[in-house]
Amino acid sequence: MTNEKLRRQNRVVLIILILLICCGLGIHQYFNYALRPVDSSANQVISFKIPQSATDHQVGVILKRKRLVRSSFVCDYYLQTHKESGVKAGTFKLKASYSTPQIVSLLQESRESH
């Protein structure tokens, strides 16, 4: 292999590494954004029901439809990776000023949340 070919390969590898790092940072930033409250000044209580056999994905979709989370995908992922006792079935009353981690914690601790 000549020095010129080796340099070209090194540049390609460096460019690929930089792209992977940028993509990783972008995904990390998006997740941080999606975990924040939908509306930090919201005071309105939103009532919704979690069915008995709801999956994490279904819970994320319900929360997104009620505009309690920014992303059903990120909520689903968070539920799967931060599972303590699982989401309880029942009726819940939450606010859009709660972050996704706060909502998940409330959904896992009791049937009636505030």
C-alpha atoms as a PDB file:
ATOM      1  CA  MET A   1       0.000   0.000   0.000  1.00  0.00           C
ATOM      2  CA  THR A   2       1.276   3.415  -0.844  1.00  0.00           C
ATOM      3  CA  ASN A   3       1.331   6.339   1.521  1.00  0.00           C
ATOM      4  CA  GLU A   4      -1.313   8.097  -0.579  1.00  0.00           C
ATOM      5  CA  LYS A   5      -3.767   5.168  -0.261  1.00  0.00           C
ATOM      6  CA  LEU A   6      -3.107   4.930   3.462  1.00  0.00           C
ATOM      7  CA  ARG A   7      -3.803   8.644   3.914  1.00  0.00           C
ATOM      8  CA  ARG A   8      -7.055   8.343   1.950  1.00  0.00           C
ATOM      9  CA  GLN A   9      -8.184   5.415   4.095  1.00  0.00           C
ATOM     10  CA  ASN A  10      -7.315   7.308   7.268  1.00  0.00           C
ATOM     11  CA  ARG A  11      -9.361  10.301   6.072  1.00  0.00           C
ATOM     12  CA  VAL A  12     -12.346   8.082   5.284  1.00  0.00           C
ATOM     13  CA  VAL A  13     -12.146   6.421   8.711  1.00  0.00           C
ATOM     14  CA  LEU A  14     -11.831   9.831  10.401  1.00  0.00           C
ATOM     15  CA  ILE A  15     -14.828  11.217   8.495  1.00  0.00           C
ATOM     16  CA  ILE A  16     -16.921   8.161   9.408  1.00  0.00           C
ATOM     17  CA  LEU A  17     -15.952   8.513  13.091  1.00  0.00           C
ATOM     18  CA  ILE A  18     -16.836  12.214  13.086  1.00  0.00           C
ATOM     19  CA  LEU A  19     -20.213  11.467  11.471  1.00  0.00           C
ATOM     20  CA  LEU A  20     -20.969   8.750  14.035  1.00  0.00           C
ATOM     21  CA  ILE A  21     -20.066  11.059  16.912  1.00  0.00           C
ATOM     22  CA  CYS A  22     -22.237  13.862  15.484  1.00  0.00           C
ATOM     23  CA  CYS A  23     -25.172  11.473  15.015  1.00  0.00           C
ATOM     24  CA  GLY A  24     -24.768  10.190  18.567  1.00  0.00           C
ATOM     25  CA  LEU A  25     -24.695  13.708  19.980  1.00  0.00           C
ATOM     26  CA  GLY A  26     -27.749  14.649  17.911  1.00  0.00           C
ATOM     27  CA  ILE A  27     -29.709  11.655  19.184  1.00  0.00           C
ATOM     28  CA  HIS A  28     -28.647  12.440  22.755  1.00  0.00           C
ATOM     29  CA  GLN A  29     -29.827  16.056  22.395  1.00  0.00           C
ATOM     30  CA  TYR A  30     -33.162  14.929  20.932  1.00  0.00           C
ATOM     31  CA  PHE A  31     -33.764  12.526  23.836  1.00  0.00           C
ATOM     32  CA  ASN A  32     -32.955  15.282  26.345  1.00  0.00           C
ATOM     33  CA  TYR A  33     -35.416  17.582  24.558  1.00  0.00           C
ATOM     34  CA  ALA A  34     -38.130  14.892  24.365  1.00  0.00           C
ATOM     35  CA  LEU A  35     -37.873  14.110  28.096  1.00  0.00           C
ATOM     36  CA  ARG A  36     -38.656  17.710  29.076  1.00  0.00           C
ATOM     37  CA  PRO A  37     -42.211  18.843  29.915  1.00  0.00           C
ATOM     38  CA  VAL A  38     -44.483  19.598  26.963  1.00  0.00           C
ATOM     39  CA  ASP A  39     -45.556  22.876  28.615  1.00  0.00           C
ATOM     40  CA  SER A  40     -43.712  23.796  31.809  1.00  0.00           C
ATOM     41  CA  SER A  41     -46.325  26.438  32.727  1.00  0.00           C
ATOM     42  CA  ALA A  42     -49.402  24.214  32.248  1.00  0.00           C
ATOM     43  CA  ASN A  43     -51.723  23.938  35.227  1.00  0.00           C
ATOM     44  CA  GLN A  44     -54.577  22.045  33.573  1.00  0.00           C
ATOM     45  CA  VAL A  45     -55.073  18.515  34.878  1.00  0.00           C
ATOM     46  CA  ILE A  46     -55.440  15.915  32.128  1.00  0.00           C
ATOM     47  CA  SER A  47     -57.283  12.715  32.938  1.00  0.00           C
ATOM     48  CA  PHE A  48     -56.661   9.483  31.043  1.00  0.00           C
ATOM     49  CA  LYS A  49     -56.953   5.734  31.473  1.00  0.00           C
ATOM     50  CA  ILE A  50     -54.283   3.049  31.154  1.00  0.00           C
ATOM     51  CA  PRO A  51     -55.855  -0.328  30.259  1.00  0.00           C
ATOM     52  CA  GLN A  52     -54.959  -3.443  32.268  1.00  0.00           C
ATOM     53  CA  SER A  53     -52.793  -5.100  29.596  1.00  0.00           C
ATOM     54  CA  ALA A  54     -51.222  -1.964  28.056  1.00  0.00           C
ATOM     55  CA  THR A  55     -47.681  -2.340  26.729  1.00  0.00           C
ATOM     56  CA  ASP A  56     -44.998   0.327  27.160  1.00  0.00           C
ATOM     57  CA  HIS A  57     -45.558   1.307  23.525  1.00  0.00           C
ATOM     58  CA  GLN A  58     -49.313   1.696  24.066  1.00  0.00           C
ATOM     59  CA  VAL A  59     -48.719   3.795  27.182  1.00  0.00           C
ATOM     60  CA  GLY A  60     -46.381   6.067  25.183  1.00  0.00           C
ATOM     61  CA  VAL A  61     -49.023   6.488  22.471  1.00  0.00           C
ATOM     62  CA  ILE A  62     -51.729   7.307  25.053  1.00  0.00           C
ATOM     63  CA  LEU A  63     -49.492   9.922  26.692  1.00  0.00           C
ATOM     64  CA  LYS A  64     -48.601  11.457  23.327  1.00  0.00           C
ATOM     65  CA  ARG A  65     -52.279  11.647  22.298  1.00  0.00           C
ATOM     66  CA  LYS A  66     -53.065  13.419  25.565  1.00  0.00           C
ATOM     67  CA  ARG A  67     -50.117  15.780  24.896  1.00  0.00           C
ATOM     68  CA  LEU A  68     -48.359  14.820  28.092  1.00  0.00           C
ATOM     69  CA  VAL A  69     -45.102  13.758  26.386  1.00  0.00           C
ATOM     70  CA  ARG A  70     -43.253  15.121  23.376  1.00  0.00           C
ATOM     71  CA  SER A  71     -42.481  11.737  21.809  1.00  0.00           C
ATOM     72  CA  SER A  72     -44.226   8.391  22.216  1.00  0.00           C
ATOM     73  CA  PHE A  73     -41.037   6.651  21.027  1.00  0.00           C
ATOM     74  CA  VAL A  74     -38.846   8.322  23.664  1.00  0.00           C
ATOM     75  CA  CYS A  75     -41.493   7.657  26.323  1.00  0.00           C
ATOM     76  CA  ASP A  76     -41.656   3.980  25.303  1.00  0.00           C
ATOM     77  CA  TYR A  77     -37.854   3.732  25.416  1.00  0.00           C
ATOM     78  CA  TYR A  78     -37.743   5.463  28.810  1.00  0.00           C
ATOM     79  CA  LEU A  79     -40.403   3.118  30.197  1.00  0.00           C
ATOM     80  CA  GLN A  80     -38.417   0.087  29.043  1.00  0.00           C
ATOM     81  CA  THR A  81     -35.083   1.295  30.378  1.00  0.00           C
ATOM     82  CA  HIS A  82     -36.340   2.697  33.715  1.00  0.00           C
ATOM     83  CA  LYS A  83     -38.736  -0.045  34.695  1.00  0.00           C
ATOM     84  CA  GLU A  84     -39.011  -0.417  38.435  1.00  0.00           C
ATOM     85  CA  SER A  85     -42.421  -1.922  39.011  1.00  0.00           C
ATOM     86  CA  GLY A  86     -44.150  -1.375  35.663  1.00  0.00           C
ATOM     87  CA  VAL A  87     -46.990   0.957  34.788  1.00  0.00           C
ATOM     88  CA  LYS A  88     -50.132   0.446  36.843  1.00  0.00           C
ATOM     89  CA  ALA A  89     -53.487   0.195  35.095  1.00  0.00           C
ATOM     90  CA  GLY A  90     -56.129   2.729  36.049  1.00  0.00           C
ATOM     91  CA  THR A  91     -57.193   6.338  35.705  1.00  0.00           C
ATOM     92  CA  PHE A  92     -54.549   9.008  36.106  1.00  0.00           C
ATOM     93  CA  LYS A  93     -54.635  12.776  36.405  1.00  0.00           C
ATOM     94  CA  LEU A  94     -51.442  14.516  35.329  1.00  0.00           C
ATOM     95  CA  LYS A  95     -50.272  17.871  33.988  1.00  0.00           C
ATOM     96  CA  ALA A  96     -48.343  18.725  30.822  1.00  0.00           C
ATOM     97  CA  SER A  97     -45.876  20.528  33.101  1.00  0.00           C
ATOM     98  CA  TYR A  98     -44.520  17.151  34.255  1.00  0.00           C
ATOM     99  CA  SER A  99     -41.419  15.764  32.570  1.00  0.00           C
ATOM    100  CA  THR A 100     -41.425  12.264  31.096  1.00  0.00           C
ATOM    101  CA  PRO A 101     -39.358  10.896  34.029  1.00  0.00           C
ATOM    102  CA  GLN A 102     -41.857  12.422  36.495  1.00  0.00           C
ATOM    103  CA  ILE A 103     -44.814  10.961  34.592  1.00  0.00           C
ATOM    104  CA  VAL A 104     -43.230   7.505  34.419  1.00  0.00           C
ATOM    105  CA  SER A 105     -42.526   7.606  38.147  1.00  0.00           C
ATOM    106  CA  LEU A 106     -46.143   8.527  38.886  1.00  0.00           C
ATOM    107  CA  LEU A 107     -47.488   5.839  36.549  1.00  0.00           C
ATOM    108  CA  GLN A 108     -45.407   3.221  38.316  1.00  0.00           C
ATOM    109  CA  GLU A 109     -46.260   4.134  41.903  1.00  0.00           C
ATOM    110  CA  SER A 110     -50.037   4.346  42.221  1.00  0.00           C
ATOM    111  CA  ARG A 111     -53.416   4.111  40.489  1.00  0.00           C
ATOM    112  CA  GLU A 112     -54.511   7.671  41.255  1.00  0.00           C
ATOM    113  CA  SER A 113     -51.816  10.274  40.597  1.00  0.00           C
ATOM    114  CA  HIS A 114     -51.887  14.016  40.879  1.00  0.00           C
END
